[in-house]
Protein backbone atom coordinates (compact mmCIF):
# COMPACT_ATOMS: atom_id res chain seq x y z
CA UNK A 1 -104.82 76.91 41.81
CA UNK A 2 -102.70 79.62 40.23
CA UNK A 3 -104.26 83.07 39.86
CA UNK A 4 -103.25 86.12 37.89
CA UNK A 5 -104.47 89.56 38.83
CA UNK A 6 -104.06 93.17 37.88
CA UNK A 7 -105.45 96.64 38.06
CA UNK A 8 -107.74 97.65 35.17
CA UNK A 9 -105.02 99.01 32.88
CA UNK A 10 -102.48 96.28 33.72
CA UNK A 11 -99.82 98.61 35.10
CA UNK A 12 -99.91 96.55 38.32
CA UNK A 13 -99.88 92.79 37.67
CA UNK A 14 -99.27 89.86 39.99
CA UNK A 15 -99.63 86.11 40.44
CA UNK A 16 -100.30 83.89 43.40
CA UNK A 17 -101.12 80.31 44.16
CA UNK A 18 -103.61 78.95 46.63
CA UNK A 19 -107.24 78.16 47.33
CA UNK A 20 -109.76 80.85 48.17
CA UNK A 21 -111.58 79.48 51.23
CA UNK A 22 -113.31 82.71 52.26
CA UNK A 23 -113.20 86.34 51.28
CA UNK A 24 -113.81 89.26 53.57
CA UNK A 25 -116.26 92.07 52.89
CA UNK A 26 -115.38 94.90 55.27
CA UNK A 27 -117.44 98.00 55.96
CA UNK A 28 -114.58 100.22 57.14
CA UNK A 29 -114.30 103.65 55.53
CA UNK A 30 -111.97 102.58 52.71
CA UNK A 31 -113.17 99.02 51.97
CA UNK A 32 -116.79 100.07 51.69
CA UNK A 33 -115.89 102.78 49.19
CA UNK A 34 -113.65 100.43 47.16
CA UNK A 35 -116.12 97.54 47.20
CA UNK A 36 -113.23 95.16 47.69
CA UNK A 37 -113.57 91.49 48.57
CA UNK A 38 -110.32 90.56 50.30
CA UNK A 39 -108.49 87.23 50.39
CA UNK A 40 -105.67 87.20 52.93
CA UNK A 41 -102.52 85.27 51.99
CA UNK A 42 -98.94 85.14 53.28
CA UNK A 43 -97.00 87.89 51.49
CA UNK A 44 -94.46 85.43 50.02
CA UNK A 45 -97.35 83.80 48.09
CA UNK A 46 -97.74 86.99 46.02
CA UNK A 47 -95.39 87.51 43.08
CA UNK A 48 -95.39 91.04 41.70
CA UNK A 49 -94.96 90.95 37.91
CA UNK A 50 -94.45 94.67 37.50
CA UNK A 51 -92.12 97.16 39.12
CA UNK A 52 -93.12 98.40 42.58
CA UNK A 53 -92.60 101.91 41.22
CA UNK A 54 -95.71 101.36 39.06
CA UNK A 55 -98.00 101.57 42.10
CA UNK A 56 -98.80 104.07 44.79
CA UNK A 57 -99.80 103.36 48.37
CA UNK A 58 -102.22 104.88 50.80
CA UNK A 59 -102.27 104.41 54.56
CA UNK A 60 -104.69 105.82 57.12
CA UNK A 61 -105.84 105.42 60.72
CA UNK A 62 -103.12 103.32 62.44
CA UNK A 63 -100.95 103.27 59.26
CA UNK A 64 -100.38 99.51 59.43
CA UNK A 65 -101.81 98.54 56.03
CA UNK A 66 -100.42 99.80 52.74
CA UNK A 67 -103.38 99.99 50.37
CA UNK A 68 -101.75 99.77 46.93
CA UNK A 69 -103.41 101.33 43.91
CA UNK A 70 -102.61 102.17 40.32
CA UNK A 71 -101.86 105.87 39.70
CA UNK A 72 -103.11 105.44 36.12
CA UNK A 73 -106.52 103.69 36.46
CA UNK A 74 -107.08 104.05 40.23
CA UNK A 75 -107.84 100.39 40.94
CA UNK A 76 -106.76 98.85 44.30
CA UNK A 77 -105.64 95.27 43.52
CA UNK A 78 -104.06 94.43 46.88
CA UNK A 79 -102.72 95.71 50.18
CA UNK A 80 -99.88 94.69 52.46
CA UNK A 81 -99.58 94.53 56.20
CA UNK A 82 -98.50 92.42 59.14
CA UNK A 83 -100.67 89.80 60.86
CA UNK A 84 -101.01 89.88 64.66
CA UNK A 85 -98.38 87.10 64.87
CA UNK A 86 -95.87 89.26 62.95
CA UNK A 87 -96.11 87.49 59.59
CA UNK A 88 -96.15 89.61 56.43
CA UNK A 89 -99.55 89.36 54.74
CA UNK A 90 -101.16 90.47 51.51
CA UNK A 91 -104.84 91.28 51.18
CA UNK A 92 -105.81 90.42 47.61
CA UNK A 93 -108.86 92.10 46.09
CA UNK A 94 -110.39 89.03 44.43
CA UNK A 95 -112.36 91.32 42.13
CA UNK A 96 -108.98 91.96 40.43
CA UNK A 97 -108.26 88.26 39.78
CA UNK A 98 -108.88 86.73 36.37
CA UNK A 99 -111.38 83.89 36.00
CA UNK A 100 -112.92 84.12 39.49
CA UNK A 101 -116.69 83.81 39.73
CA UNK A 102 -117.58 86.13 42.62
CA UNK A 103 -121.02 84.49 42.97
CA UNK A 104 -119.39 81.19 44.04
CA UNK A 105 -117.28 82.65 46.85
CA UNK A 106 -117.94 82.25 50.56
CA UNK A 107 -118.18 85.87 51.76
CA UNK A 108 -117.65 86.73 55.41
CA UNK A 109 -118.82 90.16 56.54
CA UNK A 110 -116.54 92.09 58.89
CA UNK A 111 -117.54 95.14 60.89
CA UNK A 112 -114.41 97.22 60.34
CA UNK A 113 -116.36 100.36 61.15
CA UNK A 114 -116.18 99.40 64.83
CA UNK A 115 -112.39 99.07 64.92
């Protein structure tokens, strides 16, 4: 399935292809505040449709994940990092994808607070 996503104002837009098997609901200090439901995909699966200059990034704690957000509307559509095996990954906030029914998703809860 091909998905299109964006921040609220559309300044950050992207596409990706794949199936959403499970999404992660994390209770770490940033995810809980954002209310994000994350789908992890290989970074090459994500195609950015807007200029990287259109987004800002925030890192904290171990500074290994770049949490991207729109400087205009404030929405966090995705983040980027590296998996334990060294592969580049993207964490897609499925709440920012078009035509996804959140109620049908398999949600796995992760205790990020304990990390």
